PDB file of all heavy atoms in Angstrom:
ATOM      1  N   CYS A   1     108.014  97.945  88.193  1.00  0.00           N
ATOM      2  CA  CYS A   1     106.608  97.775  88.243  1.00  0.00           C
ATOM      3  C   CYS A   1     106.084  98.790  89.302  1.00  0.00           C
ATOM      4  O   CYS A   1     106.896  99.351  90.050  1.00  0.00           O
ATOM      5  CB  CYS A   1     106.287  96.402  88.751  1.00  0.00           C
ATOM      6  SG  CYS A   1     106.812  95.993  90.465  1.00  0.00           S
ATOM      7  N   ASP A   2     104.853  99.018  89.277  1.00  0.00           N
ATOM      8  CA  ASP A   2     104.222  99.900  90.181  1.00  0.00           C
ATOM      9  C   ASP A   2     104.171  99.142  91.584  1.00  0.00           C
ATOM     10  O   ASP A   2     103.603  97.989  91.658  1.00  0.00           O
ATOM     11  CB  ASP A   2     102.759 100.263  89.792  1.00  0.00           C
ATOM     12  CG  ASP A   2     101.984 101.096  90.793  1.00  0.00           C
ATOM     13  OD1 ASP A   2     102.466 101.392  91.944  1.00  0.00           O
ATOM     14  OD2 ASP A   2     101.024 101.672  90.320  1.00  0.00           O
ATOM     15  N   PRO A   3     104.722  99.637  92.691  1.00  0.00           N
ATOM     16  CA  PRO A   3     104.672  98.890  93.913  1.00  0.00           C
ATOM     17  C   PRO A   3     103.302  98.455  94.359  1.00  0.00           C
ATOM     18  O   PRO A   3     103.192  97.503  95.026  1.00  0.00           O
ATOM     19  CB  PRO A   3     105.221  99.909  94.899  1.00  0.00           C
ATOM     20  CG  PRO A   3     106.132 100.911  94.053  1.00  0.00           C
ATOM     21  CD  PRO A   3     105.421 100.945  92.756  1.00  0.00           C
ATOM     22  N   ALA A   4     102.308  99.270  93.931  1.00  0.00           N
ATOM     23  CA  ALA A   4     100.914  98.917  94.386  1.00  0.00           C
ATOM     24  C   ALA A   4     100.500  97.556  93.722  1.00  0.00           C
ATOM     25  O   ALA A   4      99.648  96.779  94.298  1.00  0.00           O
ATOM     26  CB  ALA A   4      99.872  99.879  93.888  1.00  0.00           C
ATOM     27  N   THR A   5     101.060  97.109  92.644  1.00  0.00           N
ATOM     28  CA  THR A   5     100.615  95.807  91.968  1.00  0.00           C
ATOM     29  C   THR A   5     101.217  94.631  92.857  1.00  0.00           C
ATOM     30  O   THR A   5     100.786  93.545  92.613  1.00  0.00           O
ATOM     31  CB  THR A   5     101.249  95.739  90.570  1.00  0.00           C
ATOM     32  OG1 THR A   5     102.720  95.764  90.617  1.00  0.00           O
ATOM     33  CG2 THR A   5     100.751  96.869  89.749  1.00  0.00           C
ATOM     34  N   LEU A   6     102.105  94.852  93.798  1.00  0.00           N
ATOM     35  CA  LEU A   6     102.684  93.819  94.563  1.00  0.00           C
ATOM     36  C   LEU A   6     101.868  93.578  95.814  1.00  0.00           C
ATOM     37  O   LEU A   6     101.930  92.528  96.497  1.00  0.00           O
ATOM     38  CB  LEU A   6     104.136  94.111  95.005  1.00  0.00           C
ATOM     39  CG  LEU A   6     105.065  94.380  93.837  1.00  0.00           C
ATOM     40  CD1 LEU A   6     106.460  94.849  94.403  1.00  0.00           C
ATOM     41  CD2 LEU A   6     105.271  93.102  93.081  1.00  0.00           C
ATOM     42  N   VAL A   7     100.908  94.474  96.174  1.00  0.00           N
ATOM     43  CA  VAL A   7     100.130  94.416  97.345  1.00  0.00           C
ATOM     44  C   VAL A   7      98.850  93.636  97.037  1.00  0.00           C
ATOM     45  O   VAL A   7      98.143  93.953  96.143  1.00  0.00           O
ATOM     46  CB  VAL A   7      99.792  95.894  97.865  1.00  0.00           C
ATOM     47  CG1 VAL A   7      98.870  95.856  99.125  1.00  0.00           C
ATOM     48  CG2 VAL A   7     101.130  96.631  98.149  1.00  0.00           C
ATOM     49  N   THR A   8      98.483  92.714  98.048  1.00  0.00           N
ATOM     50  CA  THR A   8      97.236  91.974  97.832  1.00  0.00           C
ATOM     51  C   THR A   8      96.314  92.371  98.977  1.00  0.00           C
ATOM     52  O   THR A   8      96.700  92.840 100.014  1.00  0.00           O
ATOM     53  CB  THR A   8      97.515  90.440  97.946  1.00  0.00           C
ATOM     54  OG1 THR A   8      98.082  90.181  99.272  1.00  0.00           O
ATOM     55  CG2 THR A   8      98.501  89.981  96.833  1.00  0.00           C
ATOM     56  N   GLU A   9      94.983  92.170  98.690  1.00  0.00           N
ATOM     57  CA  GLU A   9      93.974  92.458  99.681  1.00  0.00           C
ATOM     58  C   GLU A   9      94.252  91.649 100.959  1.00  0.00           C
ATOM     59  O   GLU A   9      93.993  92.074 102.089  1.00  0.00           O
ATOM     60  CB  GLU A   9      92.643  92.250  99.092  1.00  0.00           C
ATOM     61  CG  GLU A   9      91.490  92.777 100.035  1.00  0.00           C
ATOM     62  CD  GLU A   9      91.592  94.262 100.373  1.00  0.00           C
ATOM     63  OE1 GLU A   9      92.071  95.037  99.590  1.00  0.00           O
ATOM     64  OE2 GLU A   9      91.288  94.572 101.525  1.00  0.00           O
ATOM     65  N   ARG A  10      94.551  90.332 100.770  1.00  0.00           N
ATOM     66  CA  ARG A  10      94.865  89.501 101.909  1.00  0.00           C
ATOM     67  C   ARG A  10      95.872  90.095 102.881  1.00  0.00           C
ATOM     68  O   ARG A  10      95.652  90.094 104.100  1.00  0.00           O
ATOM     69  CB  ARG A  10      95.357  88.128 101.382  1.00  0.00           C
ATOM     70  CG  ARG A  10      95.710  87.176 102.477  1.00  0.00           C
ATOM     71  CD  ARG A  10      96.113  85.808 101.880  1.00  0.00           C
ATOM     72  NE  ARG A  10      96.578  84.905 102.907  1.00  0.00           N
ATOM     73  CZ  ARG A  10      97.780  84.740 103.247  1.00  0.00           C
ATOM     74  NH1 ARG A  10      98.782  85.461 102.609  1.00  0.00           N
ATOM     75  NH2 ARG A  10      98.180  83.887 104.277  1.00  0.00           N
ATOM     76  N   GLN A  11      96.961  90.704 102.289  1.00  0.00           N
ATOM     77  CA  GLN A  11      97.970  91.220 103.188  1.00  0.00           C
ATOM     78  C   GLN A  11      97.553  92.618 103.826  1.00  0.00           C
ATOM     79  O   GLN A  11      97.907  92.872 104.889  1.00  0.00           O
ATOM     80  CB  GLN A  11      99.287  91.437 102.381  1.00  0.00           C
ATOM     81  CG  GLN A  11      99.927  90.103 101.873  1.00  0.00           C
ATOM     82  CD  GLN A  11     100.312  89.208 103.155  1.00  0.00           C
ATOM     83  OE1 GLN A  11     100.201  89.572 104.252  1.00  0.00           O
ATOM     84  NE2 GLN A  11     100.855  87.988 102.787  1.00  0.00           N
ATOM     85  N   ARG A  12      96.690  93.337 103.045  1.00  0.00           N
ATOM     86  CA  ARG A  12      96.098  94.565 103.698  1.00  0.00           C
ATOM     87  C   ARG A  12      95.293  94.109 104.966  1.00  0.00           C
ATOM     88  O   ARG A  12      95.369  94.831 105.971  1.00  0.00           O
ATOM     89  CB  ARG A  12      95.227  95.283 102.666  1.00  0.00           C
ATOM     90  CG  ARG A  12      96.010  95.992 101.625  1.00  0.00           C
ATOM     91  CD  ARG A  12      95.068  97.013 100.910  1.00  0.00           C
ATOM     92  NE  ARG A  12      95.631  97.635  99.854  1.00  0.00           N
ATOM     93  CZ  ARG A  12      95.543  97.278  98.561  1.00  0.00           C
ATOM     94  NH1 ARG A  12      94.844  96.250  98.223  1.00  0.00           N
ATOM     95  NH2 ARG A  12      96.098  97.945  97.604  1.00  0.00           N
ATOM     96  N   ARG A  13      94.420  93.113 104.842  1.00  0.00           N
ATOM     97  CA  ARG A  13      93.685  92.609 105.912  1.00  0.00           C
ATOM     98  C   ARG A  13      94.504  92.192 107.064  1.00  0.00           C
ATOM     99  O   ARG A  13      94.173  92.454 108.299  1.00  0.00           O
ATOM    100  CB  ARG A  13      92.691  91.518 105.535  1.00  0.00           C
ATOM    101  CG  ARG A  13      91.614  91.971 104.547  1.00  0.00           C
ATOM    102  CD  ARG A  13      90.539  90.861 104.445  1.00  0.00           C
ATOM    103  NE  ARG A  13      91.027  89.631 104.018  1.00  0.00           N
ATOM    104  CZ  ARG A  13      91.051  89.255 102.752  1.00  0.00           C
ATOM    105  NH1 ARG A  13      90.658  90.020 101.773  1.00  0.00           N
ATOM    106  NH2 ARG A  13      91.566  88.055 102.427  1.00  0.00           N
ATOM    107  N   ARG A  14      95.595  91.565 106.791  1.00  0.00           N
ATOM    108  CA  ARG A  14      96.443  90.991 107.852  1.00  0.00           C
ATOM    109  C   ARG A  14      97.068  92.124 108.618  1.00  0.00           C
ATOM    110  O   ARG A  14      97.305  92.061 109.858  1.00  0.00           O
ATOM    111  CB  ARG A  14      97.526  90.005 107.255  1.00  0.00           C
ATOM    112  CG  ARG A  14      96.935  88.778 106.610  1.00  0.00           C
ATOM    113  CD  ARG A  14      98.071  87.821 106.305  1.00  0.00           C
ATOM    114  NE  ARG A  14      98.577  87.240 107.510  1.00  0.00           N
ATOM    115  CZ  ARG A  14      99.820  86.952 107.673  1.00  0.00           C
ATOM    116  NH1 ARG A  14     100.712  87.119 106.627  1.00  0.00           N
ATOM    117  NH2 ARG A  14     100.303  86.397 108.804  1.00  0.00           N
ATOM    118  N   LEU A  15      97.526  93.107 107.911  1.00  0.00           N
ATOM    119  CA  LEU A  15      98.195  94.261 108.550  1.00  0.00           C
ATOM    120  C   LEU A  15      97.129  95.080 109.366  1.00  0.00           C
ATOM    121  O   LEU A  15      97.437  95.376 110.594  1.00  0.00           O
ATOM    122  CB  LEU A  15      98.789  95.231 107.565  1.00  0.00           C
ATOM    123  CG  LEU A  15      99.437  96.412 108.108  1.00  0.00           C
ATOM    124  CD1 LEU A  15     100.697  95.994 108.896  1.00  0.00           C
ATOM    125  CD2 LEU A  15      99.858  97.332 106.973  1.00  0.00           C
ATOM    126  N   ALA A  16      95.935  95.204 108.848  1.00  0.00           N
ATOM    127  CA  ALA A  16      94.876  95.999 109.537  1.00  0.00           C
ATOM    128  C   ALA A  16      94.443  95.219 110.849  1.00  0.00           C
ATOM    129  O   ALA A  16      94.132  95.848 111.822  1.00  0.00           O
ATOM    130  CB  ALA A  16      93.667  96.223 108.677  1.00  0.00           C
ATOM    131  N   ALA A  17      94.502  93.919 110.763  1.00  0.00           N
ATOM    132  CA  ALA A  17      94.102  93.082 111.964  1.00  0.00           C
ATOM    133  C   ALA A  17      95.226  92.842 112.857  1.00  0.00           C
ATOM    134  O   ALA A  17      95.020  92.043 113.792  1.00  0.00           O
ATOM    135  CB  ALA A  17      93.575  91.727 111.504  1.00  0.00           C
ATOM    136  N   HIS A  18      96.351  93.428 112.654  1.00  0.00           N
ATOM    137  CA  HIS A  18      97.554  93.200 113.470  1.00  0.00           C
ATOM    138  C   HIS A  18      97.779  91.662 113.544  1.00  0.00           C
ATOM    139  O   HIS A  18      97.957  91.132 114.654  1.00  0.00           O
ATOM    140  CB  HIS A  18      97.375  93.858 114.884  1.00  0.00           C
ATOM    141  CG  HIS A  18      97.009  95.231 114.851  1.00  0.00           C
ATOM    142  ND1 HIS A  18      97.959  96.211 114.509  1.00  0.00           N
ATOM    143  CD2 HIS A  18      95.867  95.940 115.125  1.00  0.00           C
ATOM    144  CE1 HIS A  18      97.388  97.390 114.616  1.00  0.00           C
ATOM    145  NE2 HIS A  18      96.110  97.272 114.927  1.00  0.00           N
ATOM    146  N   ALA A  19      97.939  91.080 112.451  1.00  0.00           N
ATOM    147  CA  ALA A  19      98.103  89.602 112.343  1.00  0.00           C
ATOM    148  C   ALA A  19      99.331  89.212 113.158  1.00  0.00           C
ATOM    149  O   ALA A  19     100.294  89.981 113.282  1.00  0.00           O
ATOM    150  CB  ALA A  19      98.231  89.174 110.933  1.00  0.00           C
ATOM    151  N   ALA A  20      99.285  87.982 113.636  1.00  0.00           N
ATOM    152  CA  ALA A  20     100.477  87.502 114.402  1.00  0.00           C
ATOM    153  C   ALA A  20     101.678  87.479 113.394  1.00  0.00           C
ATOM    154  O   ALA A  20     101.508  87.311 112.135  1.00  0.00           O
ATOM    155  CB  ALA A  20     100.225  86.068 114.776  1.00  0.00           C
ATOM    156  N   ASP A  21     102.819  87.729 114.007  1.00  0.00           N
ATOM    157  CA  ASP A  21     104.015  87.823 113.201  1.00  0.00           C
ATOM    158  C   ASP A  21     104.180  86.670 112.264  1.00  0.00           C
ATOM    159  O   ASP A  21     104.020  85.487 112.615  1.00  0.00           O
ATOM    160  CB  ASP A  21     105.243  87.903 114.109  1.00  0.00           C
ATOM    161  CG  ASP A  21     106.425  88.290 113.388  1.00  0.00           C
ATOM    162  OD1 ASP A  21     106.417  88.857 112.327  1.00  0.00           O
ATOM    163  OD2 ASP A  21     107.536  88.165 114.054  1.00  0.00           O
ATOM    164  N   SER A  22     104.529  86.964 110.962  1.00  0.00           N
ATOM    165  CA  SER A  22     104.686  85.950 110.007  1.00  0.00           C
ATOM    166  C   SER A  22     106.136  85.932 109.450  1.00  0.00           C
ATOM    167  O   SER A  22     106.672  87.016 109.293  1.00  0.00           O
ATOM    168  CB  SER A  22     103.763  86.193 108.793  1.00  0.00           C
ATOM    169  OG  SER A  22     104.013  85.343 107.700  1.00  0.00           O
ATOM    170  N   HIS A  23     106.599  84.752 109.283  1.00  0.00           N
ATOM    171  CA  HIS A  23     108.041  84.625 108.894  1.00  0.00           C
ATOM    172  C   HIS A  23     108.099  83.858 107.527  1.00  0.00           C
ATOM    173  O   HIS A  23     108.996  83.138 107.250  1.00  0.00           O
ATOM    174  CB  HIS A  23     108.837  83.853 109.976  1.00  0.00           C
ATOM    175  CG  HIS A  23     108.831  84.474 111.243  1.00  0.00           C
ATOM    176  ND1 HIS A  23     109.323  85.759 111.597  1.00  0.00           N
ATOM    177  CD2 HIS A  23     108.380  83.959 112.482  1.00  0.00           C
ATOM    178  CE1 HIS A  23     109.143  85.971 112.853  1.00  0.00           C
ATOM    179  NE2 HIS A  23     108.529  84.891 113.471  1.00  0.00           N
ATOM    180  N   GLY A  24     107.182  84.099 106.686  1.00  0.00           N
ATOM    181  CA  GLY A  24     107.142  83.445 105.403  1.00  0.00           C
ATOM    182  C   GLY A  24     108.355  83.880 104.475  1.00  0.00           C
ATOM    183  O   GLY A  24     108.618  85.072 104.493  1.00  0.00           O
ATOM    184  N   THR A  25     108.813  82.968 103.695  1.00  0.00           N
ATOM    185  CA  THR A  25     109.924  83.153 102.803  1.00  0.00           C
ATOM    186  C   THR A  25     109.757  82.042 101.796  1.00  0.00           C
ATOM    187  O   THR A  25     109.178  81.000 102.014  1.00  0.00           O
ATOM    188  CB  THR A  25     111.250  83.017 103.581  1.00  0.00           C
ATOM    189  OG1 THR A  25     111.350  83.966 104.600  1.00  0.00           O
ATOM    190  CG2 THR A  25     112.475  83.253 102.619  1.00  0.00           C
ATOM    191  N   VAL A  26     110.396  82.218 100.635  1.00  0.00           N
ATOM    192  CA  VAL A  26     110.459  81.109  99.676  1.00  0.00           C
ATOM    193  C   VAL A  26     111.893  80.915  99.284  1.00  0.00           C
ATOM    194  O   VAL A  26     112.744  81.752  99.369  1.00  0.00           O
ATOM    195  CB  VAL A  26     109.592  81.336  98.361  1.00  0.00           C
ATOM    196  CG1 VAL A  26     108.199  81.677  98.792  1.00  0.00           C
ATOM    197  CG2 VAL A  26     110.169  82.522  97.519  1.00  0.00           C
ATOM    198  N   GLY A  27     112.176  79.608  98.789  1.00  0.00           N
ATOM    199  CA  GLY A  27     113.526  79.369  98.421  1.00  0.00           C
ATOM    200  C   GLY A  27     113.656  78.153  97.635  1.00  0.00           C
ATOM    201  O   GLY A  27     112.709  77.279  97.558  1.00  0.00           O
ATOM    202  N   ALA A  28     114.888  77.862  97.144  1.00  0.00           N
ATOM    203  CA  ALA A  28     115.172  76.670  96.336  1.00  0.00           C
ATOM    204  C   ALA A  28     116.623  76.375  96.426  1.00  0.00           C
ATOM    205  O   ALA A  28     117.477  77.300  96.525  1.00  0.00           O
ATOM    206  CB  ALA A  28     114.778  76.824  94.890  1.00  0.00           C
ATOM    207  N   VAL A  29     116.977  75.088  96.382  1.00  0.00           N
ATOM    208  CA  VAL A  29     118.347  74.607  96.296  1.00  0.00           C
ATOM    209  C   VAL A  29     118.390  73.486  95.253  1.00  0.00           C
ATOM    210  O   VAL A  29     117.585  72.599  95.195  1.00  0.00           O
ATOM    211  CB  VAL A  29     118.823  74.061  97.683  1.00  0.00           C
ATOM    212  CG1 VAL A  29     120.319  73.670  97.695  1.00  0.00           C
ATOM    213  CG2 VAL A  29     118.502  75.028  98.818  1.00  0.00           C
ATOM    214  N   ALA A  30     119.560  73.521  94.547  1.00  0.00           N
ATOM    215  CA  ALA A  30     119.608  72.570  93.420  1.00  0.00           C
ATOM    216  C   ALA A  30     121.075  72.066  93.226  1.00  0.00           C
ATOM    217  O   ALA A  30     122.022  72.792  93.511  1.00  0.00           O
ATOM    218  CB  ALA A  30     119.162  73.150  92.070  1.00  0.00           C
ATOM    219  N   LEU A  31     121.254  70.871  92.771  1.00  0.00           N
ATOM    220  CA  LEU A  31     122.449  70.288  92.228  1.00  0.00           C
ATOM    221  C   LEU A  31     122.258  69.955  90.775  1.00  0.00           C
ATOM    222  O   LEU A  31     121.261  69.196  90.446  1.00  0.00           O
ATOM    223  CB  LEU A  31     122.862  69.089  93.092  1.00  0.00           C
ATOM    224  CG  LEU A  31     124.037  68.269  92.511  1.00  0.00           C
ATOM    225  CD1 LEU A  31     125.354  68.935  92.631  1.00  0.00           C
ATOM    226  CD2 LEU A  31     124.055  66.842  93.093  1.00  0.00           C
ATOM    227  N   ASP A  32     123.125  70.312  89.968  1.00  0.00           N
ATOM    228  CA  ASP A  32     122.983  69.966  88.503  1.00  0.00           C
ATOM    229  C   ASP A  32     123.966  68.857  88.032  1.00  0.00           C
ATOM    230  O   ASP A  32     124.786  68.364  88.888  1.00  0.00           O
ATOM    231  CB  ASP A  32     123.073  71.204  87.614  1.00  0.00           C
ATOM    232  CG  ASP A  32     124.477  71.839  87.631  1.00  0.00           C
ATOM    233  OD1 ASP A  32     125.485  71.166  87.877  1.00  0.00           O
ATOM    234  OD2 ASP A  32     124.551  73.099  87.452  1.00  0.00           O
ATOM    235  N   ARG A  33     123.789  68.391  86.839  1.00  0.00           N
ATOM    236  CA  ARG A  33     124.654  67.277  86.330  1.00  0.00           C
ATOM    237  C   ARG A  33     126.138  67.661  86.224  1.00  0.00           C
ATOM    238  O   ARG A  33     126.983  66.767  86.092  1.00  0.00           O
ATOM    239  CB  ARG A  33     124.129  66.838  84.952  1.00  0.00           C
ATOM    240  CG  ARG A  33     122.749  66.202  85.015  1.00  0.00           C
ATOM    241  CD  ARG A  33     122.349  65.662  83.661  1.00  0.00           C
ATOM    242  NE  ARG A  33     120.927  65.227  83.671  1.00  0.00           N
ATOM    243  CZ  ARG A  33     120.521  64.005  84.075  1.00  0.00           C
ATOM    244  NH1 ARG A  33     121.529  63.095  84.431  1.00  0.00           N
ATOM    245  NH2 ARG A  33     119.294  63.651  84.073  1.00  0.00           N
ATOM    246  N   HIS A  34     126.394  69.002  86.206  1.00  0.00           N
ATOM    247  CA  HIS A  34     127.770  69.399  86.270  1.00  0.00           C
ATOM    248  C   HIS A  34     128.392  69.467  87.542  1.00  0.00           C
ATOM    249  O   HIS A  34     129.592  69.790  87.624  1.00  0.00           O
ATOM    250  CB  HIS A  34     127.836  70.831  85.588  1.00  0.00           C
ATOM    251  CG  HIS A  34     126.927  70.937  84.295  1.00  0.00           C
ATOM    252  ND1 HIS A  34     127.252  70.357  83.057  1.00  0.00           N
ATOM    253  CD2 HIS A  34     125.729  71.484  84.093  1.00  0.00           C
ATOM    254  CE1 HIS A  34     126.295  70.634  82.177  1.00  0.00           C
ATOM    255  NE2 HIS A  34     125.431  71.239  82.804  1.00  0.00           N
ATOM    256  N   GLY A  35     127.647  69.180  88.581  1.00  0.00           N
ATOM    257  CA  GLY A  35     128.219  69.185  89.958  1.00  0.00           C
ATOM    258  C   GLY A  35     128.107  70.546  90.694  1.00  0.00           C
ATOM    259  O   GLY A  35     128.620  70.612  91.722  1.00  0.00           O
ATOM    260  N   MET A  36     127.508  71.534  90.045  1.00  0.00           N
ATOM    261  CA  MET A  36     127.227  72.784  90.755  1.00  0.00           C
ATOM    262  C   MET A  36     126.059  72.754  91.671  1.00  0.00           C
ATOM    263  O   MET A  36     125.030  72.225  91.265  1.00  0.00           O
ATOM    264  CB  MET A  36     127.066  73.935  89.731  1.00  0.00           C
ATOM    265  CG  MET A  36     126.796  75.329  90.340  1.00  0.00           C
ATOM    266  SD  MET A  36     126.247  76.546  89.231  1.00  0.00           S
ATOM    267  CE  MET A  36     127.768  76.895  88.327  1.00  0.00           C
ATOM    268  N   VAL A  37     126.283  73.323  92.873  1.00  0.00           N
ATOM    269  CA  VAL A  37     125.191  73.524  93.810  1.00  0.00           C
ATOM    270  C   VAL A  37     124.799  74.979  93.787  1.00  0.00           C
ATOM    271  O   VAL A  37     125.684  75.811  93.764  1.00  0.00           O
ATOM    272  CB  VAL A  37     125.558  73.080  95.152  1.00  0.00           C
ATOM    273  CG1 VAL A  37     124.465  73.431  96.207  1.00  0.00           C
ATOM    274  CG2 VAL A  37     125.954  71.557  95.225  1.00  0.00           C
ATOM    275  N   ALA A  38     123.531  75.364  93.834  1.00  0.00           N
ATOM    276  CA  ALA A  38     123.146  76.704  93.944  1.00  0.00           C
ATOM    277  C   ALA A  38     121.960  76.803  94.789  1.00  0.00           C
ATOM    278  O   ALA A  38     121.215  75.847  95.073  1.00  0.00           O
ATOM    279  CB  ALA A  38     122.729  77.293  92.545  1.00  0.00           C
ATOM    280  N   ALA A  39     121.761  77.979  95.488  1.00  0.00           N
ATOM    281  CA  ALA A  39     120.638  78.287  96.412  1.00  0.00           C
ATOM    282  C   ALA A  39     120.146  79.631  96.187  1.00  0.00           C
ATOM    283  O   ALA A  39     120.837  80.539  95.826  1.00  0.00           O
ATOM    284  CB  ALA A  39     121.126  78.009  97.836  1.00  0.00           C
TER     285      ALA A  39
END
């Protein structure tokens, strides 16, 4: 993909405003019927 498509106006504003440090991340953890755990 074009890297520009990943950039949002909200994040441009936050960088320009020297926003407080952000530690956002996303994640998931699962157990299935077969007994496998994944993260």
